[in-house]
Amino acid sequence: MRLLSYVSSSSDITMHVVAIKRTKGKANEAKKAKEAKEAKEAKEAKEAKEAKEAKEAKEAKEAKEAKEAKEAKEAKEAKEAKEAKDANEAKEALSEHKSFPP
């Protein structure tokens, strides 16, 4: 009723109601736009996080594979070194055996 004391005619009341509805509609639109923007940003943040995790997982996998390859190479080199040592020892033993008179 207080509103009516300031308004002089029914057309003024209608204009005030329309203005209030228009303002309320714009506020709702702004709220929806803000919510949509926040949802989009949340989605992008989630996608960025997932991409980062996937990249880290890939790097971890590659590091593990590189470590395994290095270990395999070292094991192969150790085996070859042992075989060479064994071959040299066998060669020395054979040469010692030949150096003894029959």
PDB file of N, CA and C in Angstrom:
ATOM      1  N   MET A   1       0.819  -1.190   0.000  1.00  0.00           N
ATOM      2  CA  MET A   1       0.000   0.000   0.000  1.00  0.00           C
ATOM      3  C   MET A   1       0.862   1.253   0.000  1.00  0.00           C
ATOM      4  N   ARG A   2       2.038   1.147   0.541  1.00  0.00           N
ATOM      5  CA  ARG A   2       2.906   2.314   0.572  1.00  0.00           C
ATOM      6  C   ARG A   2       3.279   2.739  -0.843  1.00  0.00           C
ATOM      7  N   LEU A   3       3.442   1.765  -1.726  1.00  0.00           N
ATOM      8  CA  LEU A   3       3.760   2.068  -3.113  1.00  0.00           C
ATOM      9  C   LEU A   3       2.653   2.889  -3.753  1.00  0.00           C
ATOM     10  N   LEU A   4       1.411   2.578  -3.438  1.00  0.00           N
ATOM     11  CA  LEU A   4       0.286   3.280  -4.028  1.00  0.00           C
ATOM     12  C   LEU A   4       0.233   4.740  -3.598  1.00  0.00           C
ATOM     13  N   SER A   5       0.737   5.040  -2.457  1.00  0.00           N
ATOM     14  CA  SER A   5       0.683   6.436  -2.016  1.00  0.00           C
ATOM     15  C   SER A   5       1.601   7.322  -2.841  1.00  0.00           C
ATOM     16  N   TYR A   6       2.604   6.707  -3.471  1.00  0.00           N
ATOM     17  CA  TYR A   6       3.522   7.491  -4.303  1.00  0.00           C
ATOM     18  C   TYR A   6       3.103   7.537  -5.766  1.00  0.00           C
ATOM     19  N   VAL A   7       2.193   6.696  -6.134  1.00  0.00           N
ATOM     20  CA  VAL A   7       1.800   6.592  -7.534  1.00  0.00           C
ATOM     21  C   VAL A   7       0.468   7.296  -7.725  1.00  0.00           C
ATOM     22  N   SER A   8       0.369   8.048  -8.805  1.00  0.00           N
ATOM     23  CA  SER A   8      -0.844   8.834  -8.990  1.00  0.00           C
ATOM     24  C   SER A   8      -1.894   8.160  -9.846  1.00  0.00           C
ATOM     25  N   SER A   9      -1.520   7.222 -10.742  1.00  0.00           N
ATOM     26  CA  SER A   9      -2.537   6.605 -11.605  1.00  0.00           C
ATOM     27  C   SER A   9      -2.212   5.133 -11.839  1.00  0.00           C
ATOM     28  N   SER A  10      -3.184   4.410 -12.423  1.00  0.00           N
ATOM     29  CA  SER A  10      -2.996   2.990 -12.679  1.00  0.00           C
ATOM     30  C   SER A  10      -1.946   2.758 -13.767  1.00  0.00           C
ATOM     31  N   SER A  11      -1.808   3.678 -14.692  1.00  0.00           N
ATOM     32  CA  SER A  11      -0.784   3.537 -15.737  1.00  0.00           C
ATOM     33  C   SER A  11       0.608   3.638 -15.109  1.00  0.00           C
ATOM     34  N   ASP A  12       0.737   4.476 -14.079  1.00  0.00           N
ATOM     35  CA  ASP A  12       2.019   4.571 -13.371  1.00  0.00           C
ATOM     36  C   ASP A  12       2.328   3.254 -12.661  1.00  0.00           C
ATOM     37  N   ILE A  13       1.298   2.630 -12.082  1.00  0.00           N
ATOM     38  CA  ILE A  13       1.484   1.346 -11.411  1.00  0.00           C
ATOM     39  C   ILE A  13       1.932   0.305 -12.421  1.00  0.00           C
ATOM     40  N   THR A  14       1.297   0.275 -13.569  1.00  0.00           N
ATOM     41  CA  THR A  14       1.648  -0.678 -14.616  1.00  0.00           C
ATOM     42  C   THR A  14       3.094  -0.477 -15.049  1.00  0.00           C
ATOM     43  N   MET A  15       3.500   0.762 -15.226  1.00  0.00           N
ATOM     44  CA  MET A  15       4.880   1.048 -15.631  1.00  0.00           C
ATOM     45  C   MET A  15       5.861   0.561 -14.566  1.00  0.00           C
ATOM     46  N   HIS A  16       5.514   0.759 -13.286  1.00  0.00           N
ATOM     47  CA  HIS A  16       6.396   0.301 -12.207  1.00  0.00           C
ATOM     48  C   HIS A  16       6.501  -1.223 -12.179  1.00  0.00           C
ATOM     49  N   VAL A  17       5.347  -1.892 -12.382  1.00  0.00           N
ATOM     50  CA  VAL A  17       5.339  -3.358 -12.390  1.00  0.00           C
ATOM     51  C   VAL A  17       6.170  -3.873 -13.557  1.00  0.00           C
ATOM     52  N   VAL A  18       6.019  -3.278 -14.737  1.00  0.00           N
ATOM     53  CA  VAL A  18       6.786  -3.690 -15.913  1.00  0.00           C
ATOM     54  C   VAL A  18       8.276  -3.471 -15.668  1.00  0.00           C
ATOM     55  N   ALA A  19       8.616  -2.342 -15.080  1.00  0.00           N
ATOM     56  CA  ALA A  19      10.025  -2.048 -14.792  1.00  0.00           C
ATOM     57  C   ALA A  19      10.593  -3.056 -13.800  1.00  0.00           C
ATOM     58  N   ILE A  20       9.807  -3.399 -12.789  1.00  0.00           N
ATOM     59  CA  ILE A  20      10.263  -4.384 -11.799  1.00  0.00           C
ATOM     60  C   ILE A  20      10.471  -5.734 -12.464  1.00  0.00           C
ATOM     61  N   LYS A  21       9.521  -6.156 -13.305  1.00  0.00           N
ATOM     62  CA  LYS A  21       9.640  -7.432 -13.997  1.00  0.00           C
ATOM     63  C   LYS A  21      10.849  -7.441 -14.927  1.00  0.00           C
ATOM     64  N   ARG A  22      11.050  -6.323 -15.631  1.00  0.00           N
ATOM     65  CA  ARG A  22      12.177  -6.212 -16.555  1.00  0.00           C
ATOM     66  C   ARG A  22      13.496  -6.313 -15.779  1.00  0.00           C
ATOM     67  N   THR A  23      13.571  -5.614 -14.663  1.00  0.00           N
ATOM     68  CA  THR A  23      14.771  -5.651 -13.830  1.00  0.00           C
ATOM     69  C   THR A  23      15.008  -7.052 -13.286  1.00  0.00           C
ATOM     70  N   LYS A  24      13.931  -7.688 -12.845  1.00  0.00           N
ATOM     71  CA  LYS A  24      14.031  -9.045 -12.321  1.00  0.00           C
ATOM     72  C   LYS A  24      14.470 -10.014 -13.427  1.00  0.00           C
ATOM     73  N   GLY A  25      13.930  -9.832 -14.627  1.00  0.00           N
ATOM     74  CA  GLY A  25      14.301 -10.674 -15.770  1.00  0.00           C
ATOM     75  C   GLY A  25      15.776 -10.515 -16.126  1.00  0.00           C
ATOM     76  N   LYS A  26      16.251  -9.269 -16.107  1.00  0.00           N
ATOM     77  CA  LYS A  26      17.664  -9.023 -16.410  1.00  0.00           C
ATOM     78  C   LYS A  26      18.550  -9.625 -15.324  1.00  0.00           C
ATOM     79  N   ALA A  27      18.107  -9.543 -14.081  1.00  0.00           N
ATOM     80  CA  ALA A  27      18.875 -10.133 -12.986  1.00  0.00           C
ATOM     81  C   ALA A  27      18.943 -11.652 -13.146  1.00  0.00           C
ATOM     82  N   ASN A  28      17.821 -12.256 -13.534  1.00  0.00           N
ATOM     83  CA  ASN A  28      17.808 -13.706 -13.755  1.00  0.00           C
ATOM     84  C   ASN A  28      18.720 -14.091 -14.919  1.00  0.00           C
ATOM     85  N   GLU A  29      18.680 -13.289 -15.982  1.00  0.00           N
ATOM     86  CA  GLU A  29      19.551 -13.554 -17.124  1.00  0.00           C
ATOM     87  C   GLU A  29      21.016 -13.439 -16.724  1.00  0.00           C
ATOM     88  N   ALA A  30      21.337 -12.422 -15.949  1.00  0.00           N
ATOM     89  CA  ALA A  30      22.709 -12.235 -15.492  1.00  0.00           C
ATOM     90  C   ALA A  30      23.138 -13.394 -14.598  1.00  0.00           C
ATOM     91  N   LYS A  31      22.230 -13.835 -13.742  1.00  0.00           N
ATOM     92  CA  LYS A  31      22.528 -14.962 -12.852  1.00  0.00           C
ATOM     93  C   LYS A  31      22.782 -16.230 -13.672  1.00  0.00           C
ATOM     94  N   LYS A  32      21.919 -16.469 -14.677  1.00  0.00           N
ATOM     95  CA  LYS A  32      22.087 -17.646 -15.529  1.00  0.00           C
ATOM     96  C   LYS A  32      23.396 -17.564 -16.314  1.00  0.00           C
ATOM     97  N   ALA A  33      23.717 -16.384 -16.814  1.00  0.00           N
ATOM     98  CA  ALA A  33      24.965 -16.207 -17.561  1.00  0.00           C
ATOM     99  C   ALA A  33      26.164 -16.464 -16.655  1.00  0.00           C
ATOM    100  N   LYS A  34      26.082 -15.961 -15.424  1.00  0.00           N
ATOM    101  CA  LYS A  34      27.172 -16.166 -14.468  1.00  0.00           C
ATOM    102  C   LYS A  34      27.324 -17.648 -14.147  1.00  0.00           C
ATOM    103  N   GLU A  35      26.213 -18.349 -13.925  1.00  0.00           N
ATOM    104  CA  GLU A  35      26.253 -19.779 -13.643  1.00  0.00           C
ATOM    105  C   GLU A  35      26.813 -20.561 -14.826  1.00  0.00           C
ATOM    106  N   ALA A  36      26.424 -20.174 -16.043  1.00  0.00           N
ATOM    107  CA  ALA A  36      26.930 -20.842 -17.238  1.00  0.00           C
ATOM    108  C   ALA A  36      28.437 -20.625 -17.373  1.00  0.00           C
ATOM    109  N   LYS A  37      28.875 -19.414 -17.112  1.00  0.00           N
ATOM    110  CA  LYS A  37      30.306 -19.103 -17.178  1.00  0.00           C
ATOM    111  C   LYS A  37      31.074 -19.916 -16.144  1.00  0.00           C
ATOM    112  N   GLU A  38      30.545 -20.000 -14.918  1.00  0.00           N
ATOM    113  CA  GLU A  38      31.208 -20.767 -13.863  1.00  0.00           C
ATOM    114  C   GLU A  38      31.247 -22.251 -14.211  1.00  0.00           C
ATOM    115  N   ALA A  39      30.161 -22.757 -14.792  1.00  0.00           N
ATOM    116  CA  ALA A  39      30.115 -24.166 -15.203  1.00  0.00           C
ATOM    117  C   ALA A  39      31.152 -24.432 -16.292  1.00  0.00           C
ATOM    118  N   LYS A  40      31.257 -23.508 -17.241  1.00  0.00           N
ATOM    119  CA  LYS A  40      32.233 -23.653 -18.322  1.00  0.00           C
ATOM    120  C   LYS A  40      33.649 -23.633 -17.763  1.00  0.00           C
ATOM    121  N   GLU A  41      33.920 -22.706 -16.840  1.00  0.00           N
ATOM    122  CA  GLU A  41      35.248 -22.623 -16.234  1.00  0.00           C
ATOM    123  C   GLU A  41      35.558 -23.882 -15.427  1.00  0.00           C
ATOM    124  N   ALA A  42      34.572 -24.403 -14.720  1.00  0.00           N
ATOM    125  CA  ALA A  42      34.769 -25.636 -13.949  1.00  0.00           C
ATOM    126  C   ALA A  42      35.074 -26.805 -14.883  1.00  0.00           C
ATOM    127  N   LYS A  43      34.350 -26.864 -15.997  1.00  0.00           N
ATOM    128  CA  LYS A  43      34.572 -27.931 -16.980  1.00  0.00           C
ATOM    129  C   LYS A  43      35.979 -27.821 -17.562  1.00  0.00           C
ATOM    130  N   GLU A  44      36.394 -26.595 -17.908  1.00  0.00           N
ATOM    131  CA  GLU A  44      37.727 -26.390 -18.470  1.00  0.00           C
ATOM    132  C   GLU A  44      38.808 -26.733 -17.447  1.00  0.00           C
ATOM    133  N   ALA A  45      38.575 -26.378 -16.188  1.00  0.00           N
ATOM    134  CA  ALA A  45      39.544 -26.709 -15.132  1.00  0.00           C
ATOM    135  C   ALA A  45      39.651 -28.219 -14.971  1.00  0.00           C
ATOM    136  N   LYS A  46      38.521 -28.902 -15.019  1.00  0.00           N
ATOM    137  CA  LYS A  46      38.515 -30.363 -14.896  1.00  0.00           C
ATOM    138  C   LYS A  46      39.264 -30.995 -16.066  1.00  0.00           C
ATOM    139  N   GLU A  47      39.002 -30.487 -17.280  1.00  0.00           N
ATOM    140  CA  GLU A  47      39.684 -31.018 -18.462  1.00  0.00           C
ATOM    141  C   GLU A  47      41.185 -30.763 -18.382  1.00  0.00           C
ATOM    142  N   ALA A  48      41.569 -29.576 -17.907  1.00  0.00           N
ATOM    143  CA  ALA A  48      42.994 -29.255 -17.766  1.00  0.00           C
ATOM    144  C   ALA A  48      43.649 -30.176 -16.741  1.00  0.00           C
ATOM    145  N   LYS A  49      42.939 -30.430 -15.643  1.00  0.00           N
ATOM    146  CA  LYS A  49      43.471 -31.327 -14.611  1.00  0.00           C
ATOM    147  C   LYS A  49      43.643 -32.736 -15.169  1.00  0.00           C
ATOM    148  N   GLU A  50      42.642 -33.211 -15.912  1.00  0.00           N
ATOM    149  CA  GLU A  50      42.720 -34.547 -16.501  1.00  0.00           C
ATOM    150  C   GLU A  50      43.860 -34.626 -17.514  1.00  0.00           C
ATOM    151  N   ALA A  51      44.033 -33.570 -18.301  1.00  0.00           N
ATOM    152  CA  ALA A  51      45.120 -33.551 -19.283  1.00  0.00           C
ATOM    153  C   ALA A  51      46.471 -33.577 -18.573  1.00  0.00           C
ATOM    154  N   LYS A  52      46.580 -32.824 -17.492  1.00  0.00           N
ATOM    155  CA  LYS A  52      47.833 -32.793 -16.718  1.00  0.00           C
ATOM    156  C   LYS A  52      48.115 -34.167 -16.130  1.00  0.00           C
ATOM    157  N   GLU A  53      47.089 -34.809 -15.570  1.00  0.00           N
ATOM    158  CA  GLU A  53      47.263 -36.145 -14.996  1.00  0.00           C
ATOM    159  C   GLU A  53      47.654 -37.155 -16.069  1.00  0.00           C
ATOM    160  N   ALA A  54      47.046 -37.050 -17.239  1.00  0.00           N
ATOM    161  CA  ALA A  54      47.375 -37.964 -18.337  1.00  0.00           C
ATOM    162  C   ALA A  54      48.825 -37.748 -18.781  1.00  0.00           C
ATOM    163  N   LYS A  55      49.239 -36.494 -18.858  1.00  0.00           N
ATOM    164  CA  LYS A  55      50.622 -36.179 -19.245  1.00  0.00           C
ATOM    165  C   LYS A  55      51.596 -36.735 -18.213  1.00  0.00           C
ATOM    166  N   GLU A  56      51.278 -36.546 -16.922  1.00  0.00           N
ATOM    167  CA  GLU A  56      52.152 -37.055 -15.866  1.00  0.00           C
ATOM    168  C   GLU A  56      52.214 -38.580 -15.903  1.00  0.00           C
ATOM    169  N   ALA A  57      51.084 -39.224 -16.152  1.00  0.00           N
ATOM    170  CA  ALA A  57      51.058 -40.690 -16.238  1.00  0.00           C
ATOM    171  C   ALA A  57      51.904 -41.165 -17.412  1.00  0.00           C
ATOM    172  N   LYS A  58      51.796 -40.460 -18.538  1.00  0.00           N
ATOM    173  CA  LYS A  58      52.585 -40.819 -19.720  1.00  0.00           C
ATOM    174  C   LYS A  58      54.069 -40.649 -19.430  1.00  0.00           C
ATOM    175  N   GLU A  59      54.434 -39.535 -18.780  1.00  0.00           N
ATOM    176  CA  GLU A  59      55.838 -39.293 -18.455  1.00  0.00           C
ATOM    177  C   GLU A  59      56.361 -40.343 -17.473  1.00  0.00           C
ATOM    178  N   ALA A  60      55.527 -40.718 -16.504  1.00  0.00           N
ATOM    179  CA  ALA A  60      55.927 -41.741 -15.540  1.00  0.00           C
ATOM    180  C   ALA A  60      56.147 -43.081 -16.249  1.00  0.00           C
ATOM    181  N   LYS A  61      55.245 -43.400 -17.173  1.00  0.00           N
ATOM    182  CA  LYS A  61      55.367 -44.649 -17.936  1.00  0.00           C
ATOM    183  C   LYS A  61      56.650 -44.643 -18.767  1.00  0.00           C
ATOM    184  N   GLU A  62      56.920 -43.506 -19.426  1.00  0.00           N
ATOM    185  CA  GLU A  62      58.126 -43.397 -20.246  1.00  0.00           C
ATOM    186  C   GLU A  62      59.380 -43.496 -19.381  1.00  0.00           C
ATOM    187  N   ALA A  63      59.344 -42.875 -18.209  1.00  0.00           N
ATOM    188  CA  ALA A  63      60.490 -42.948 -17.297  1.00  0.00           C
ATOM    189  C   ALA A  63      60.717 -44.381 -16.834  1.00  0.00           C
ATOM    190  N   LYS A  64      59.628 -45.078 -16.528  1.00  0.00           N
ATOM    191  CA  LYS A  64      59.732 -46.477 -16.104  1.00  0.00           C
ATOM    192  C   LYS A  64      60.313 -47.331 -17.229  1.00  0.00           C
ATOM    193  N   GLU A  65      59.823 -47.108 -18.446  1.00  0.00           N
ATOM    194  CA  GLU A  65      60.325 -47.864 -19.589  1.00  0.00           C
ATOM    195  C   GLU A  65      61.803 -47.570 -19.837  1.00  0.00           C
ATOM    196  N   ALA A  66      62.195 -46.300 -19.691  1.00  0.00           N
ATOM    197  CA  ALA A  66      63.599 -45.932 -19.880  1.00  0.00           C
ATOM    198  C   ALA A  66      64.465 -46.591 -18.804  1.00  0.00           C
ATOM    199  N   LYS A  67      63.977 -46.613 -17.578  1.00  0.00           N
ATOM    200  CA  LYS A  67      64.716 -47.253 -16.483  1.00  0.00           C
ATOM    201  C   LYS A  67      64.868 -48.750 -16.754  1.00  0.00           C
ATOM    202  N   GLU A  68      63.783 -49.385 -17.189  1.00  0.00           N
ATOM    203  CA  GLU A  68      63.832 -50.818 -17.493  1.00  0.00           C
ATOM    204  C   GLU A  68      64.790 -51.098 -18.643  1.00  0.00           C
ATOM    205  N   ALA A  69      64.785 -50.228 -19.658  1.00  0.00           N
ATOM    206  CA  ALA A  69      65.693 -50.403 -20.791  1.00  0.00           C
ATOM    207  C   ALA A  69      67.142 -50.247 -20.338  1.00  0.00           C
ATOM    208  N   LYS A  70      67.385 -49.267 -19.475  1.00  0.00           N
ATOM    209  CA  LYS A  70      68.742 -49.050 -18.954  1.00  0.00           C
ATOM    210  C   LYS A  70      69.193 -50.261 -18.143  1.00  0.00           C
ATOM    211  N   GLU A  71      68.302 -50.776 -17.298  1.00  0.00           N
ATOM    212  CA  GLU A  71      68.639 -51.952 -16.486  1.00  0.00           C
ATOM    213  C   GLU A  71      68.900 -53.164 -17.376  1.00  0.00           C
ATOM    214  N   ALA A  72      68.099 -53.333 -18.421  1.00  0.00           N
ATOM    215  CA  ALA A  72      68.295 -54.451 -19.339  1.00  0.00           C
ATOM    216  C   ALA A  72      69.637 -54.311 -20.059  1.00  0.00           C
ATOM    217  N   LYS A  73      69.970 -53.095 -20.467  1.00  0.00           N
ATOM    218  CA  LYS A  73      71.253 -52.850 -21.145  1.00  0.00           C
ATOM    219  C   LYS A  73      72.410 -53.153 -20.201  1.00  0.00           C
ATOM    220  N   GLU A  74      72.307 -52.699 -18.947  1.00  0.00           N
ATOM    221  CA  GLU A  74      73.363 -52.957 -17.969  1.00  0.00           C
ATOM    222  C   GLU A  74      73.494 -54.456 -17.697  1.00  0.00           C
ATOM    223  N   ALA A  75      72.377 -55.157 -17.608  1.00  0.00           N
ATOM    224  CA  ALA A  75      72.417 -56.603 -17.385  1.00  0.00           C
ATOM    225  C   ALA A  75      73.077 -57.309 -18.569  1.00  0.00           C
ATOM    226  N   LYS A  76      72.747 -56.853 -19.781  1.00  0.00           N
ATOM    227  CA  LYS A  76      73.347 -57.444 -20.981  1.00  0.00           C
ATOM    228  C   LYS A  76      74.848 -57.199 -20.997  1.00  0.00           C
ATOM    229  N   GLU A  77      75.262 -55.969 -20.663  1.00  0.00           N
ATOM    230  CA  GLU A  77      76.691 -55.643 -20.632  1.00  0.00           C
ATOM    231  C   GLU A  77      77.417 -56.455 -19.565  1.00  0.00           C
ATOM    232  N   ALA A  78      76.779 -56.639 -18.409  1.00  0.00           N
ATOM    233  CA  ALA A  78      77.392 -57.441 -17.345  1.00  0.00           C
ATOM    234  C   ALA A  78      77.537 -58.892 -17.783  1.00  0.00           C
ATOM    235  N   LYS A  79      76.525 -59.409 -18.455  1.00  0.00           N
ATOM    236  CA  LYS A  79      76.571 -60.790 -18.955  1.00  0.00           C
ATOM    237  C   LYS A  79      77.684 -60.940 -19.985  1.00  0.00           C
ATOM    238  N   GLU A  80      77.789 -59.953 -20.901  1.00  0.00           N
ATOM    239  CA  GLU A  80      78.836 -60.012 -21.921  1.00  0.00           C
ATOM    240  C   GLU A  80      80.216 -59.915 -21.286  1.00  0.00           C
ATOM    241  N   ALA A  81      80.349 -59.063 -20.271  1.00  0.00           N
ATOM    242  CA  ALA A  81      81.632 -58.936 -19.580  1.00  0.00           C
ATOM    243  C   ALA A  81      82.000 -60.250 -18.885  1.00  0.00           C
ATOM    244  N   LYS A  82      81.023 -60.887 -18.261  1.00  0.00           N
ATOM    245  CA  LYS A  82      81.270 -62.170 -17.587  1.00  0.00           C
ATOM    246  C   LYS A  82      81.662 -63.228 -18.604  1.00  0.00           C
ATOM    247  N   GLU A  83      80.967 -63.256 -19.742  1.00  0.00           N
ATOM    248  CA  GLU A  83      81.292 -64.229 -20.784  1.00  0.00           C
ATOM    249  C   GLU A  83      82.701 -63.998 -21.317  1.00  0.00           C
ATOM    250  N   ALA A  84      83.075 -62.725 -21.510  1.00  0.00           N
ATOM    251  CA  ALA A  84      84.422 -62.407 -21.988  1.00  0.00           C
ATOM    252  C   ALA A  84      85.460 -62.829 -20.954  1.00  0.00           C
ATOM    253  N   LYS A  85      85.177 -62.584 -19.694  1.00  0.00           N
ATOM    254  CA  LYS A  85      86.089 -62.986 -18.616  1.00  0.00           C
ATOM    255  C   LYS A  85      86.230 -64.505 -18.594  1.00  0.00           C
ATOM    256  N   ASP A  86      85.099 -65.215 -18.670  1.00  0.00           N
ATOM    257  CA  ASP A  86      85.133 -66.671 -18.688  1.00  0.00           C
ATOM    258  C   ASP A  86      85.907 -67.203 -19.894  1.00  0.00           C
ATOM    259  N   ALA A  87      85.725 -66.555 -21.037  1.00  0.00           N
ATOM    260  CA  ALA A  87      86.431 -66.974 -22.253  1.00  0.00           C
ATOM    261  C   ALA A  87      87.934 -66.760 -22.079  1.00  0.00           C
ATOM    262  N   ASN A  88      88.316 -65.622 -21.494  1.00  0.00           N
ATOM    263  CA  ASN A  88      89.739 -65.348 -21.262  1.00  0.00           C
ATOM    264  C   ASN A  88      90.331 -66.355 -20.290  1.00  0.00           C
ATOM    265  N   GLU A  89      89.589 -66.678 -19.228  1.00  0.00           N
ATOM    266  CA  GLU A  89      90.074 -67.659 -18.260  1.00  0.00           C
ATOM    267  C   GLU A  89      90.229 -69.024 -18.909  1.00  0.00           C
ATOM    268  N   ALA A  90      89.263 -69.386 -19.743  1.00  0.00           N
ATOM    269  CA  ALA A  90      89.350 -70.673 -20.440  1.00  0.00           C
ATOM    270  C   ALA A  90      90.543 -70.683 -21.392  1.00  0.00           C
ATOM    271  N   LYS A  91      90.765 -69.572 -22.058  1.00  0.00           N
ATOM    272  CA  LYS A  91      91.884 -69.455 -22.988  1.00  0.00           C
ATOM    273  C   LYS A  91      93.199 -69.568 -22.228  1.00  0.00           C
ATOM    274  N   GLU A  92      93.289 -68.891 -21.079  1.00  0.00           N
ATOM    275  CA  GLU A  92      94.499 -68.960 -20.259  1.00  0.00           C
ATOM    276  C   GLU A  92      94.720 -70.379 -19.742  1.00  0.00           C
ATOM    277  N   ALA A  93      93.671 -71.011 -19.307  1.00  0.00           N
ATOM    278  CA  ALA A  93      93.787 -72.377 -18.795  1.00  0.00           C
ATOM    279  C   ALA A  93      94.249 -73.303 -19.909  1.00  0.00           C
ATOM    280  N   LEU A  94      93.741 -73.112 -21.106  1.00  0.00           N
ATOM    281  CA  LEU A  94      94.135 -73.934 -22.232  1.00  0.00           C
ATOM    282  C   LEU A  94      95.599 -73.687 -22.583  1.00  0.00           C
ATOM    283  N   SER A  95      96.012 -72.425 -22.571  1.00  0.00           N
ATOM    284  CA  SER A  95      97.408 -72.114 -22.890  1.00  0.00           C
ATOM    285  C   SER A  95      98.334 -72.651 -21.818  1.00  0.00           C
ATOM    286  N   GLU A  96      97.943 -72.636 -20.568  1.00  0.00           N
ATOM    287  CA  GLU A  96      98.742 -73.235 -19.492  1.00  0.00           C
ATOM    288  C   GLU A  96      98.837 -74.745 -19.672  1.00  0.00           C
ATOM    289  N   HIS A  97      97.741 -75.331 -20.061  1.00  0.00           N
ATOM    290  CA  HIS A  97      97.715 -76.771 -20.250  1.00  0.00           C
ATOM    291  C   HIS A  97      98.650 -77.179 -21.403  1.00  0.00           C
ATOM    292  N   LYS A  98      98.664 -76.355 -22.453  1.00  0.00           N
ATOM    293  CA  LYS A  98      99.525 -76.646 -23.613  1.00  0.00           C
ATOM    294  C   LYS A  98     100.974 -76.404 -23.261  1.00  0.00           C
ATOM    295  N   SER A  99     101.259 -75.504 -22.343  1.00  0.00           N
ATOM    296  CA  SER A  99     102.644 -75.187 -22.018  1.00  0.00           C
ATOM    297  C   SER A  99     103.294 -76.299 -21.191  1.00  0.00           C
ATOM    298  N   PHE A 100     102.525 -77.117 -20.534  1.00  0.00           N
ATOM    299  CA  PHE A 100     103.096 -78.258 -19.793  1.00  0.00           C
ATOM    300  C   PHE A 100     103.537 -79.341 -20.773  1.00  0.00           C
ATOM    301  N   PRO A 101     104.711 -79.927 -20.528  1.00  0.00           N
ATOM    302  CA  PRO A 101     105.127 -80.992 -21.429  1.00  0.00           C
ATOM    303  C   PRO A 101     104.295 -82.271 -21.182  1.00  0.00           C
ATOM    304  N   PRO A 102     104.106 -83.003 -22.212  1.00  0.00           N
ATOM    305  CA  PRO A 102     103.278 -84.211 -22.080  1.00  0.00           C
ATOM    306  C   PRO A 102     103.933 -85.329 -21.288  1.00  0.00           C
TER     307      PRO A 102
END
